[in-house]
């Protein structure tokens, strides 16, 4: 039996037939990169601070690469499905389960992983 835990940020994560979508709010050009920096309860989005500026797709590439590393998937398994040129983005991670993503994000928000 699979037990689903409802974390406070669960409303930013949605299961699809082939993966999971995650709603993000991005701060580009931050002094320190923090791929999961918290959860914004008003926007209902996971927050990420990226060290790259939002020019020529640099911040988007950093986001994809860092999420692939965090979720232990290839960069090809992480896609921006909406908000390509906006701070609010929806990311799809293919071939993963919602519970796994939630546990990884929970640990990241609670500083158990860097």
PDB file of N, CA and C in Angstrom:
ATOM      1  N   UNK A   1       0.840  -1.175   0.000  1.00  0.00           N
ATOM      2  CA  UNK A   1       0.000   0.000   0.000  1.00  0.00           C
ATOM      3  C   UNK A   1       0.891   1.247   0.000  1.00  0.00           C
ATOM      4  N   UNK A   2       0.616   2.177  -0.912  1.00  0.00           N
ATOM      5  CA  UNK A   2       1.356   3.427  -0.996  1.00  0.00           C
ATOM      6  C   UNK A   2       0.618   4.467  -0.175  1.00  0.00           C
ATOM      7  N   UNK A   3       1.343   5.114   0.726  1.00  0.00           N
ATOM      8  CA  UNK A   3       0.750   6.142   1.568  1.00  0.00           C
ATOM      9  C   UNK A   3       1.130   7.508   1.040  1.00  0.00           C
ATOM     10  N   UNK A   4       0.150   8.335   0.770  1.00  0.00           N
ATOM     11  CA  UNK A   4       0.388   9.688   0.275  1.00  0.00           C
ATOM     12  C   UNK A   4       0.343  10.652   1.456  1.00  0.00           C
ATOM     13  N   UNK A   5       1.405  11.417   1.628  1.00  0.00           N
ATOM     14  CA  UNK A   5       1.480  12.404   2.703  1.00  0.00           C
ATOM     15  C   UNK A   5       1.174  13.765   2.098  1.00  0.00           C
ATOM     16  N   UNK A   6       0.302  14.513   2.726  1.00  0.00           N
ATOM     17  CA  UNK A   6      -0.057  15.836   2.225  1.00  0.00           C
ATOM     18  C   UNK A   6       0.810  16.885   2.915  1.00  0.00           C
ATOM     19  N   UNK A   7       1.921  17.251   2.269  1.00  0.00           N
ATOM     20  CA  UNK A   7       2.797  18.293   2.786  1.00  0.00           C
ATOM     21  C   UNK A   7       2.155  19.647   2.501  1.00  0.00           C
ATOM     22  N   UNK A   8       2.551  20.692   3.221  1.00  0.00           N
ATOM     23  CA  UNK A   8       1.969  22.020   2.979  1.00  0.00           C
ATOM     24  C   UNK A   8       2.142  22.503   1.538  1.00  0.00           C
ATOM     25  N   UNK A   9       3.162  22.026   0.850  1.00  0.00           N
ATOM     26  CA  UNK A   9       3.433  22.467  -0.510  1.00  0.00           C
ATOM     27  C   UNK A   9       2.855  21.525  -1.577  1.00  0.00           C
ATOM     28  N   UNK A  10       2.089  20.536  -1.166  1.00  0.00           N
ATOM     29  CA  UNK A  10       1.577  19.528  -2.105  1.00  0.00           C
ATOM     30  C   UNK A  10       0.710  20.116  -3.212  1.00  0.00           C
ATOM     31  N   UNK A  11       0.085  21.277  -2.960  1.00  0.00           N
ATOM     32  CA  UNK A  11      -0.768  21.863  -3.998  1.00  0.00           C
ATOM     33  C   UNK A  11       0.047  22.413  -5.172  1.00  0.00           C
ATOM     34  N   UNK A  12       1.366  22.491  -5.044  1.00  0.00           N
ATOM     35  CA  UNK A  12       2.232  22.929  -6.153  1.00  0.00           C
ATOM     36  C   UNK A  12       2.683  21.743  -7.010  1.00  0.00           C
ATOM     37  N   UNK A  13       2.304  20.535  -6.613  1.00  0.00           N
ATOM     38  CA  UNK A  13       2.758  19.314  -7.285  1.00  0.00           C
ATOM     39  C   UNK A  13       1.547  18.540  -7.779  1.00  0.00           C
ATOM     40  N   UNK A  14       1.604  18.146  -9.050  1.00  0.00           N
ATOM     41  CA  UNK A  14       0.487  17.405  -9.629  1.00  0.00           C
ATOM     42  C   UNK A  14       1.010  16.188 -10.389  1.00  0.00           C
ATOM     43  N   UNK A  15       0.385  15.053 -10.143  1.00  0.00           N
ATOM     44  CA  UNK A  15       0.771  13.839 -10.848  1.00  0.00           C
ATOM     45  C   UNK A  15       0.127  13.816 -12.226  1.00  0.00           C
ATOM     46  N   UNK A  16       0.887  13.373 -13.216  1.00  0.00           N
ATOM     47  CA  UNK A  16       0.366  13.180 -14.565  1.00  0.00           C
ATOM     48  C   UNK A  16       0.574  11.721 -14.935  1.00  0.00           C
ATOM     49  N   UNK A  17       0.099  11.323 -16.097  1.00  0.00           N
ATOM     50  CA  UNK A  17       0.231   9.909 -16.474  1.00  0.00           C
ATOM     51  C   UNK A  17       1.682   9.501 -16.722  1.00  0.00           C
ATOM     52  N   UNK A  18       2.544  10.453 -17.042  1.00  0.00           N
ATOM     53  CA  UNK A  18       3.931  10.098 -17.350  1.00  0.00           C
ATOM     54  C   UNK A  18       4.963  10.827 -16.496  1.00  0.00           C
ATOM     55  N   UNK A  19       4.526  11.403 -15.375  1.00  0.00           N
ATOM     56  CA  UNK A  19       5.461  12.110 -14.510  1.00  0.00           C
ATOM     57  C   UNK A  19       4.751  13.012 -13.525  1.00  0.00           C
ATOM     58  N   UNK A  20       5.404  14.123 -13.204  1.00  0.00           N
ATOM     59  CA  UNK A  20       4.894  15.052 -12.204  1.00  0.00           C
ATOM     60  C   UNK A  20       5.141  16.477 -12.682  1.00  0.00           C
ATOM     61  N   UNK A  21       4.166  17.372 -12.477  1.00  0.00           N
ATOM     62  CA  UNK A  21       4.397  18.793 -12.728  1.00  0.00           C
ATOM     63  C   UNK A  21       4.577  19.501 -11.386  1.00  0.00           C
ATOM     64  N   UNK A  22       5.442  20.512 -11.406  1.00  0.00           N
ATOM     65  CA  UNK A  22       5.735  21.283 -10.203  1.00  0.00           C
ATOM     66  C   UNK A  22       5.666  22.761 -10.568  1.00  0.00           C
ATOM     67  N   UNK A  23       4.890  23.513  -9.791  1.00  0.00           N
ATOM     68  CA  UNK A  23       4.786  24.952 -10.001  1.00  0.00           C
ATOM     69  C   UNK A  23       5.879  25.651  -9.206  1.00  0.00           C
ATOM     70  N   UNK A  24       6.657  26.512  -9.895  1.00  0.00           N
ATOM     71  CA  UNK A  24       7.776  27.222  -9.290  1.00  0.00           C
ATOM     72  C   UNK A  24       7.605  28.724  -9.410  1.00  0.00           C
ATOM     73  N   UNK A  25       8.186  29.439  -8.450  1.00  0.00           N
ATOM     74  CA  UNK A  25       8.392  30.881  -8.551  1.00  0.00           C
ATOM     75  C   UNK A  25       9.902  31.077  -8.539  1.00  0.00           C
ATOM     76  N   UNK A  26      10.443  31.719  -9.575  1.00  0.00           N
ATOM     77  CA  UNK A  26      11.878  31.811  -9.792  1.00  0.00           C
ATOM     78  C   UNK A  26      12.411  33.209  -9.479  1.00  0.00           C
ATOM     79  N   UNK A  27      13.525  33.251  -8.756  1.00  0.00           N
ATOM     80  CA  UNK A  27      14.282  34.479  -8.562  1.00  0.00           C
ATOM     81  C   UNK A  27      15.612  34.259  -9.273  1.00  0.00           C
ATOM     82  N   UNK A  28      15.797  34.910 -10.416  1.00  0.00           N
ATOM     83  CA  UNK A  28      17.043  34.765 -11.185  1.00  0.00           C
ATOM     84  C   UNK A  28      18.043  35.813 -10.731  1.00  0.00           C
ATOM     85  N   UNK A  29      19.324  35.517 -10.916  1.00  0.00           N
ATOM     86  CA  UNK A  29      20.383  36.458 -10.570  1.00  0.00           C
ATOM     87  C   UNK A  29      20.599  36.619  -9.077  1.00  0.00           C
ATOM     88  N   UNK A  30      20.234  35.602  -8.304  1.00  0.00           N
ATOM     89  CA  UNK A  30      20.426  35.659  -6.854  1.00  0.00           C
ATOM     90  C   UNK A  30      21.907  35.508  -6.509  1.00  0.00           C
ATOM     91  N   UNK A  31      22.300  36.033  -5.381  1.00  0.00           N
ATOM     92  CA  UNK A  31      23.695  35.941  -4.950  1.00  0.00           C
ATOM     93  C   UNK A  31      24.110  34.478  -4.765  1.00  0.00           C
ATOM     94  N   UNK A  32      23.228  33.686  -4.157  1.00  0.00           N
ATOM     95  CA  UNK A  32      23.493  32.265  -3.933  1.00  0.00           C
ATOM     96  C   UNK A  32      22.381  31.433  -4.565  1.00  0.00           C
ATOM     97  N   UNK A  33      22.764  30.392  -5.295  1.00  0.00           N
ATOM     98  CA  UNK A  33      21.792  29.497  -5.905  1.00  0.00           C
ATOM     99  C   UNK A  33      21.229  28.564  -4.835  1.00  0.00           C
ATOM    100  N   UNK A  34      19.906  28.452  -4.796  1.00  0.00           N
ATOM    101  CA  UNK A  34      19.223  27.550  -3.875  1.00  0.00           C
ATOM    102  C   UNK A  34      18.026  26.995  -4.637  1.00  0.00           C
ATOM    103  N   UNK A  35      18.168  25.783  -5.160  1.00  0.00           N
ATOM    104  CA  UNK A  35      17.166  25.238  -6.081  1.00  0.00           C
ATOM    105  C   UNK A  35      15.800  25.089  -5.425  1.00  0.00           C
ATOM    106  N   UNK A  36      15.748  24.780  -4.162  1.00  0.00           N
ATOM    107  CA  UNK A  36      14.488  24.778  -3.413  1.00  0.00           C
ATOM    108  C   UNK A  36      14.720  25.709  -2.223  1.00  0.00           C
ATOM    109  N   UNK A  37      14.219  26.935  -2.327  1.00  0.00           N
ATOM    110  CA  UNK A  37      14.483  27.907  -1.260  1.00  0.00           C
ATOM    111  C   UNK A  37      13.303  28.076  -0.313  1.00  0.00           C
ATOM    112  N   UNK A  38      12.173  27.460  -0.628  1.00  0.00           N
ATOM    113  CA  UNK A  38      11.012  27.557   0.248  1.00  0.00           C
ATOM    114  C   UNK A  38       9.722  27.355  -0.517  1.00  0.00           C
ATOM    115  N   UNK A  39       8.631  27.696   0.140  1.00  0.00           N
ATOM    116  CA  UNK A  39       7.302  27.567  -0.453  1.00  0.00           C
ATOM    117  C   UNK A  39       6.534  28.852  -0.203  1.00  0.00           C
ATOM    118  N   UNK A  40       5.945  29.401  -1.261  1.00  0.00           N
ATOM    119  CA  UNK A  40       5.157  30.618  -1.149  1.00  0.00           C
ATOM    120  C   UNK A  40       3.685  30.219  -1.038  1.00  0.00           C
ATOM    121  N   UNK A  41       3.110  30.402   0.147  1.00  0.00           N
ATOM    122  CA  UNK A  41       1.740  29.940   0.377  1.00  0.00           C
ATOM    123  C   UNK A  41       0.702  30.769  -0.381  1.00  0.00           C
ATOM    124  N   UNK A  42       1.017  32.019  -0.723  1.00  0.00           N
ATOM    125  CA  UNK A  42       0.074  32.853  -1.455  1.00  0.00           C
ATOM    126  C   UNK A  42       0.073  32.508  -2.940  1.00  0.00           C
ATOM    127  N   UNK A  43       1.235  32.262  -3.489  1.00  0.00           N
ATOM    128  CA  UNK A  43       1.325  31.898  -4.910  1.00  0.00           C
ATOM    129  C   UNK A  43       1.117  30.400  -5.125  1.00  0.00           C
ATOM    130  N   UNK A  44       1.220  29.624  -4.050  1.00  0.00           N
ATOM    131  CA  UNK A  44       1.122  28.160  -4.098  1.00  0.00           C
ATOM    132  C   UNK A  44       2.161  27.590  -5.050  1.00  0.00           C
ATOM    133  N   UNK A  45       3.404  28.046  -4.849  1.00  0.00           N
ATOM    134  CA  UNK A  45       4.517  27.638  -5.700  1.00  0.00           C
ATOM    135  C   UNK A  45       5.770  27.406  -4.853  1.00  0.00           C
ATOM    136  N   UNK A  46       6.566  26.453  -5.291  1.00  0.00           N
ATOM    137  CA  UNK A  46       7.878  26.214  -4.720  1.00  0.00           C
ATOM    138  C   UNK A  46       8.778  27.351  -5.204  1.00  0.00           C
ATOM    139  N   UNK A  47       9.598  27.890  -4.321  1.00  0.00           N
ATOM    140  CA  UNK A  47      10.492  28.976  -4.718  1.00  0.00           C
ATOM    141  C   UNK A  47      11.890  28.438  -4.998  1.00  0.00           C
ATOM    142  N   UNK A  48      12.528  29.015  -6.014  1.00  0.00           N
ATOM    143  CA  UNK A  48      13.900  28.655  -6.372  1.00  0.00           C
ATOM    144  C   UNK A  48      14.688  29.929  -6.627  1.00  0.00           C
ATOM    145  N   UNK A  49      15.901  29.970  -6.100  1.00  0.00           N
ATOM    146  CA  UNK A  49      16.816  31.080  -6.357  1.00  0.00           C
ATOM    147  C   UNK A  49      17.913  30.559  -7.277  1.00  0.00           C
ATOM    148  N   UNK A  50      18.085  31.235  -8.398  1.00  0.00           N
ATOM    149  CA  UNK A  50      19.080  30.828  -9.382  1.00  0.00           C
ATOM    150  C   UNK A  50      20.169  31.873  -9.481  1.00  0.00           C
ATOM    151  N   UNK A  51      21.412  31.431  -9.611  1.00  0.00           N
ATOM    152  CA  UNK A  51      22.517  32.373  -9.693  1.00  0.00           C
ATOM    153  C   UNK A  51      22.647  32.976 -11.092  1.00  0.00           C
ATOM    154  N   UNK A  52      22.174  32.279 -12.098  1.00  0.00           N
ATOM    155  CA  UNK A  52      22.241  32.797 -13.471  1.00  0.00           C
ATOM    156  C   UNK A  52      21.177  33.862 -13.684  1.00  0.00           C
ATOM    157  N   UNK A  53      21.504  34.846 -14.506  1.00  0.00           N
ATOM    158  CA  UNK A  53      20.528  35.862 -14.886  1.00  0.00           C
ATOM    159  C   UNK A  53      19.566  35.294 -15.922  1.00  0.00           C
ATOM    160  N   UNK A  54      18.409  35.917 -16.010  1.00  0.00           N
ATOM    161  CA  UNK A  54      17.380  35.470 -16.944  1.00  0.00           C
ATOM    162  C   UNK A  54      17.620  36.069 -18.335  1.00  0.00           C
ATOM    163  N   UNK A  55      18.764  35.761 -18.908  1.00  0.00           N
ATOM    164  CA  UNK A  55      19.099  36.206 -20.259  1.00  0.00           C
ATOM    165  C   UNK A  55      19.589  35.013 -21.061  1.00  0.00           C
ATOM    166  N   UNK A  56      19.179  34.961 -22.312  1.00  0.00           N
ATOM    167  CA  UNK A  56      19.609  33.913 -23.238  1.00  0.00           C
ATOM    168  C   UNK A  56      19.329  32.506 -22.706  1.00  0.00           C
ATOM    169  N   UNK A  57      18.325  32.349 -21.858  1.00  0.00           N
ATOM    170  CA  UNK A  57      17.946  31.036 -21.352  1.00  0.00           C
ATOM    171  C   UNK A  57      18.872  30.469 -20.290  1.00  0.00           C
ATOM    172  N   UNK A  58      19.792  31.278 -19.768  1.00  0.00           N
ATOM    173  CA  UNK A  58      20.764  30.791 -18.781  1.00  0.00           C
ATOM    174  C   UNK A  58      20.089  30.327 -17.493  1.00  0.00           C
ATOM    175  N   UNK A  59      19.148  31.103 -16.971  1.00  0.00           N
ATOM    176  CA  UNK A  59      18.461  30.722 -15.733  1.00  0.00           C
ATOM    177  C   UNK A  59      17.621  29.468 -15.962  1.00  0.00           C
ATOM    178  N   UNK A  60      16.955  29.371 -17.097  1.00  0.00           N
ATOM    179  CA  UNK A  60      16.161  28.179 -17.395  1.00  0.00           C
ATOM    180  C   UNK A  60      17.036  26.936 -17.466  1.00  0.00           C
ATOM    181  N   UNK A  61      18.200  27.061 -18.078  1.00  0.00           N
ATOM    182  CA  UNK A  61      19.115  25.917 -18.167  1.00  0.00           C
ATOM    183  C   UNK A  61      19.607  25.514 -16.781  1.00  0.00           C
ATOM    184  N   UNK A  62      19.948  26.505 -15.962  1.00  0.00           N
ATOM    185  CA  UNK A  62      20.385  26.203 -14.600  1.00  0.00           C
ATOM    186  C   UNK A  62      19.273  25.489 -13.828  1.00  0.00           C
ATOM    187  N   UNK A  63      18.042  25.972 -13.968  1.00  0.00           N
ATOM    188  CA  UNK A  63      16.905  25.359 -13.296  1.00  0.00           C
ATOM    189  C   UNK A  63      16.754  23.899 -13.714  1.00  0.00           C
ATOM    190  N   UNK A  64      16.765  23.635 -14.999  1.00  0.00           N
ATOM    191  CA  UNK A  64      16.604  22.269 -15.504  1.00  0.00           C
ATOM    192  C   UNK A  64      17.739  21.374 -15.015  1.00  0.00           C
ATOM    193  N   UNK A  65      18.965  21.838 -15.136  1.00  0.00           N
ATOM    194  CA  UNK A  65      20.118  21.032 -14.727  1.00  0.00           C
ATOM    195  C   UNK A  65      20.092  20.727 -13.228  1.00  0.00           C
ATOM    196  N   UNK A  66      19.785  21.721 -12.417  1.00  0.00           N
ATOM    197  CA  UNK A  66      19.767  21.524 -10.964  1.00  0.00           C
ATOM    198  C   UNK A  66      18.617  20.617 -10.529  1.00  0.00           C
ATOM    199  N   UNK A  67      17.446  20.759 -11.160  1.00  0.00           N
ATOM    200  CA  UNK A  67      16.326  19.876 -10.823  1.00  0.00           C
ATOM    201  C   UNK A  67      16.626  18.439 -11.240  1.00  0.00           C
ATOM    202  N   UNK A  68      17.246  18.256 -12.395  1.00  0.00           N
ATOM    203  CA  UNK A  68      17.622  16.911 -12.844  1.00  0.00           C
ATOM    204  C   UNK A  68      18.562  16.274 -11.826  1.00  0.00           C
ATOM    205  N   UNK A  69      19.524  17.035 -11.340  1.00  0.00           N
ATOM    206  CA  UNK A  69      20.460  16.526 -10.341  1.00  0.00           C
ATOM    207  C   UNK A  69      19.731  16.203  -9.034  1.00  0.00           C
ATOM    208  N   UNK A  70      18.865  17.094  -8.584  1.00  0.00           N
ATOM    209  CA  UNK A  70      18.131  16.909  -7.333  1.00  0.00           C
ATOM    210  C   UNK A  70      17.242  15.668  -7.389  1.00  0.00           C
ATOM    211  N   UNK A  71      16.548  15.477  -8.509  1.00  0.00           N
ATOM    212  CA  UNK A  71      15.608  14.363  -8.634  1.00  0.00           C
ATOM    213  C   UNK A  71      16.239  13.099  -9.221  1.00  0.00           C
ATOM    214  N   UNK A  72      17.540  13.161  -9.496  1.00  0.00           N
ATOM    215  CA  UNK A  72      18.324  12.037 -10.022  1.00  0.00           C
ATOM    216  C   UNK A  72      17.694  11.482 -11.310  1.00  0.00           C
ATOM    217  N   UNK A  73      17.515  12.395 -12.270  1.00  0.00           N
ATOM    218  CA  UNK A  73      17.049  12.045 -13.610  1.00  0.00           C
ATOM    219  C   UNK A  73      17.931  12.781 -14.608  1.00  0.00           C
ATOM    220  N   UNK A  74      17.828  12.425 -15.870  1.00  0.00           N
ATOM    221  CA  UNK A  74      18.600  13.145 -16.886  1.00  0.00           C
ATOM    222  C   UNK A  74      17.963  14.516 -17.140  1.00  0.00           C
ATOM    223  N   UNK A  75      18.748  15.429 -17.656  1.00  0.00           N
ATOM    224  CA  UNK A  75      18.229  16.765 -17.989  1.00  0.00           C
ATOM    225  C   UNK A  75      17.123  16.683 -19.030  1.00  0.00           C
ATOM    226  N   UNK A  76      17.158  15.647 -19.875  1.00  0.00           N
ATOM    227  CA  UNK A  76      16.111  15.462 -20.877  1.00  0.00           C
ATOM    228  C   UNK A  76      14.767  15.089 -20.257  1.00  0.00           C
ATOM    229  N   UNK A  77      14.770  14.675 -18.997  1.00  0.00           N
ATOM    230  CA  UNK A  77      13.538  14.291 -18.306  1.00  0.00           C
ATOM    231  C   UNK A  77      12.888  15.460 -17.577  1.00  0.00           C
ATOM    232  N   UNK A  78      13.472  16.654 -17.693  1.00  0.00           N
ATOM    233  CA  UNK A  78      12.938  17.850 -17.034  1.00  0.00           C
ATOM    234  C   UNK A  78      12.637  18.893 -18.105  1.00  0.00           C
ATOM    235  N   UNK A  79      11.377  19.319 -18.172  1.00  0.00           N
ATOM    236  CA  UNK A  79      10.952  20.287 -19.199  1.00  0.00           C
ATOM    237  C   UNK A  79      10.170  21.427 -18.565  1.00  0.00           C
ATOM    238  N   UNK A  80      10.354  22.618 -19.100  1.00  0.00           N
ATOM    239  CA  UNK A  80       9.518  23.755 -18.723  1.00  0.00           C
ATOM    240  C   UNK A  80       8.289  23.690 -19.614  1.00  0.00           C
ATOM    241  N   UNK A  81       7.114  23.463 -19.009  1.00  0.00           N
ATOM    242  CA  UNK A  81       5.898  23.316 -19.808  1.00  0.00           C
ATOM    243  C   UNK A  81       5.079  24.598 -19.873  1.00  0.00           C
ATOM    244  N   UNK A  82       5.337  25.536 -18.968  1.00  0.00           N
ATOM    245  CA  UNK A  82       4.721  26.866 -19.088  1.00  0.00           C
ATOM    246  C   UNK A  82       5.574  27.880 -18.336  1.00  0.00           C
ATOM    247  N   UNK A  83       5.523  29.129 -18.808  1.00  0.00           N
ATOM    248  CA  UNK A  83       6.250  30.213 -18.164  1.00  0.00           C
ATOM    249  C   UNK A  83       7.702  30.328 -18.586  1.00  0.00           C
ATOM    250  N   UNK A  84       8.003  29.942 -19.811  1.00  0.00           N
ATOM    251  CA  UNK A  84       9.388  29.939 -20.292  1.00  0.00           C
ATOM    252  C   UNK A  84      10.086  31.279 -20.048  1.00  0.00           C
ATOM    253  N   UNK A  85       9.372  32.388 -20.200  1.00  0.00           N
ATOM    254  CA  UNK A  85       9.971  33.715 -20.035  1.00  0.00           C
ATOM    255  C   UNK A  85       9.374  34.466 -18.844  1.00  0.00           C
ATOM    256  N   UNK A  86       8.852  33.712 -17.886  1.00  0.00           N
ATOM    257  CA  UNK A  86       8.234  34.337 -16.714  1.00  0.00           C
ATOM    258  C   UNK A  86       8.840  33.802 -15.424  1.00  0.00           C
ATOM    259  N   UNK A  87       8.604  34.503 -14.331  1.00  0.00           N
ATOM    260  CA  UNK A  87       9.076  34.039 -13.023  1.00  0.00           C
ATOM    261  C   UNK A  87       8.275  32.844 -12.537  1.00  0.00           C
ATOM    262  N   UNK A  88       7.012  32.792 -12.923  1.00  0.00           N
ATOM    263  CA  UNK A  88       6.166  31.656 -12.547  1.00  0.00           C
ATOM    264  C   UNK A  88       6.246  30.618 -13.652  1.00  0.00           C
ATOM    265  N   UNK A  89       6.773  29.451 -13.304  1.00  0.00           N
ATOM    266  CA  UNK A  89       6.980  28.385 -14.278  1.00  0.00           C
ATOM    267  C   UNK A  89       6.355  27.101 -13.775  1.00  0.00           C
ATOM    268  N   UNK A  90       5.951  26.272 -14.710  1.00  0.00           N
ATOM    269  CA  UNK A  90       5.545  24.911 -14.391  1.00  0.00           C
ATOM    270  C   UNK A  90       6.535  23.991 -15.065  1.00  0.00           C
ATOM    271  N   UNK A  91       7.116  23.115 -14.259  1.00  0.00           N
ATOM    272  CA  UNK A  91       8.134  22.174 -14.706  1.00  0.00           C
ATOM    273  C   UNK A  91       7.528  20.784 -14.705  1.00  0.00           C
ATOM    274  N   UNK A  92       7.831  20.005 -15.723  1.00  0.00           N
ATOM    275  CA  UNK A  92       7.406  18.603 -15.740  1.00  0.00           C
ATOM    276  C   UNK A  92       8.639  17.729 -15.635  1.00  0.00           C
ATOM    277  N   UNK A  93       8.569  16.771 -14.707  1.00  0.00           N
ATOM    278  CA  UNK A  93       9.632  15.795 -14.533  1.00  0.00           C
ATOM    279  C   UNK A  93       9.044  14.452 -14.944  1.00  0.00           C
ATOM    280  N   UNK A  94       9.609  13.878 -15.992  1.00  0.00           N
ATOM    281  CA  UNK A  94       9.096  12.625 -16.539  1.00  0.00           C
ATOM    282  C   UNK A  94       9.672  11.419 -15.806  1.00  0.00           C
ATOM    283  N   UNK A  95       8.846  10.385 -15.672  1.00  0.00           N
ATOM    284  CA  UNK A  95       9.304   9.109 -15.137  1.00  0.00           C
ATOM    285  C   UNK A  95       9.538   9.084 -13.641  1.00  0.00           C
ATOM    286  N   UNK A  96       8.874   9.959 -12.897  1.00  0.00           N
ATOM    287  CA  UNK A  96       9.008   9.986 -11.439  1.00  0.00           C
ATOM    288  C   UNK A  96       7.627   9.878 -10.800  1.00  0.00           C
ATOM    289  N   UNK A  97       7.609   9.603  -9.521  1.00  0.00           N
ATOM    290  CA  UNK A  97       6.358   9.492  -8.777  1.00  0.00           C
ATOM    291  C   UNK A  97       6.195  10.696  -7.844  1.00  0.00           C
ATOM    292  N   UNK A  98       4.964  11.076  -7.622  1.00  0.00           N
ATOM    293  CA  UNK A  98       4.651  12.238  -6.792  1.00  0.00           C
ATOM    294  C   UNK A  98       5.257  12.123  -5.397  1.00  0.00           C
ATOM    295  N   UNK A  99       5.098  10.972  -4.763  1.00  0.00           N
ATOM    296  CA  UNK A  99       5.610  10.793  -3.399  1.00  0.00           C
ATOM    297  C   UNK A  99       7.111  10.999  -3.310  1.00  0.00           C
ATOM    298  N   UNK A 100       7.842  10.520  -4.319  1.00  0.00           N
ATOM    299  CA  UNK A 100       9.299  10.698  -4.326  1.00  0.00           C
ATOM    300  C   UNK A 100       9.663  12.180  -4.429  1.00  0.00           C
ATOM    301  N   UNK A 101       8.986  12.890  -5.320  1.00  0.00           N
ATOM    302  CA  UNK A 101       9.238  14.325  -5.494  1.00  0.00           C
ATOM    303  C   UNK A 101       8.915  15.077  -4.204  1.00  0.00           C
ATOM    304  N   UNK A 102       7.783  14.752  -3.583  1.00  0.00           N
ATOM    305  CA  UNK A 102       7.391  15.427  -2.344  1.00  0.00           C
ATOM    306  C   UNK A 102       8.418  15.212  -1.240  1.00  0.00           C
ATOM    307  N   UNK A 103       8.925  13.997  -1.100  1.00  0.00           N
ATOM    308  CA  UNK A 103       9.920  13.723  -0.055  1.00  0.00           C
ATOM    309  C   UNK A 103      11.216  14.499  -0.310  1.00  0.00           C
ATOM    310  N   UNK A 104      11.652  14.561  -1.560  1.00  0.00           N
ATOM    311  CA  UNK A 104      12.878  15.287  -1.888  1.00  0.00           C
ATOM    312  C   UNK A 104      12.701  16.781  -1.613  1.00  0.00           C
ATOM    313  N   UNK A 105      11.565  17.334  -2.022  1.00  0.00           N
ATOM    314  CA  UNK A 105      11.313  18.761  -1.780  1.00  0.00           C
ATOM    315  C   UNK A 105      11.176  19.043  -0.292  1.00  0.00           C
ATOM    316  N   UNK A 106      10.519  18.162   0.429  1.00  0.00           N
ATOM    317  CA  UNK A 106      10.381  18.337   1.882  1.00  0.00           C
ATOM    318  C   UNK A 106      11.764  18.407   2.532  1.00  0.00           C
ATOM    319  N   UNK A 107      12.656  17.487   2.170  1.00  0.00           N
ATOM    320  CA  UNK A 107      14.010  17.490   2.725  1.00  0.00           C
ATOM    321  C   UNK A 107      14.750  18.775   2.349  1.00  0.00           C
ATOM    322  N   UNK A 108      14.579  19.218   1.105  1.00  0.00           N
ATOM    323  CA  UNK A 108      15.266  20.426   0.655  1.00  0.00           C
ATOM    324  C   UNK A 108      14.764  21.659   1.416  1.00  0.00           C
ATOM    325  N   UNK A 109      13.472  21.763   1.586  1.00  0.00           N
ATOM    326  CA  UNK A 109      12.911  22.903   2.309  1.00  0.00           C
ATOM    327  C   UNK A 109      13.359  22.890   3.756  1.00  0.00           C
ATOM    328  N   UNK A 110      13.509  21.717   4.312  1.00  0.00           N
ATOM    329  CA  UNK A 110      13.926  21.590   5.706  1.00  0.00           C
ATOM    330  C   UNK A 110      15.432  21.435   5.859  1.00  0.00           C
ATOM    331  N   UNK A 111      16.175  21.804   4.815  1.00  0.00           N
ATOM    332  CA  UNK A 111      17.648  21.885   4.824  1.00  0.00           C
ATOM    333  C   UNK A 111      18.352  20.574   5.108  1.00  0.00           C
ATOM    334  N   UNK A 112      17.721  19.441   4.803  1.00  0.00           N
ATOM    335  CA  UNK A 112      18.390  18.171   4.996  1.00  0.00           C
ATOM    336  C   UNK A 112      19.292  17.835   3.807  1.00  0.00           C
ATOM    337  N   UNK A 113      19.021  18.472   2.633  1.00  0.00           N
ATOM    338  CA  UNK A 113      19.910  18.335   1.503  1.00  0.00           C
ATOM    339  C   UNK A 113      20.254  19.717   0.999  1.00  0.00           C
ATOM    340  N   UNK A 114      21.412  19.863   0.394  1.00  0.00           N
ATOM    341  CA  UNK A 114      21.839  21.181  -0.079  1.00  0.00           C
ATOM    342  C   UNK A 114      21.877  21.236  -1.574  1.00  0.00           C
TER     343      UNK A 114
END
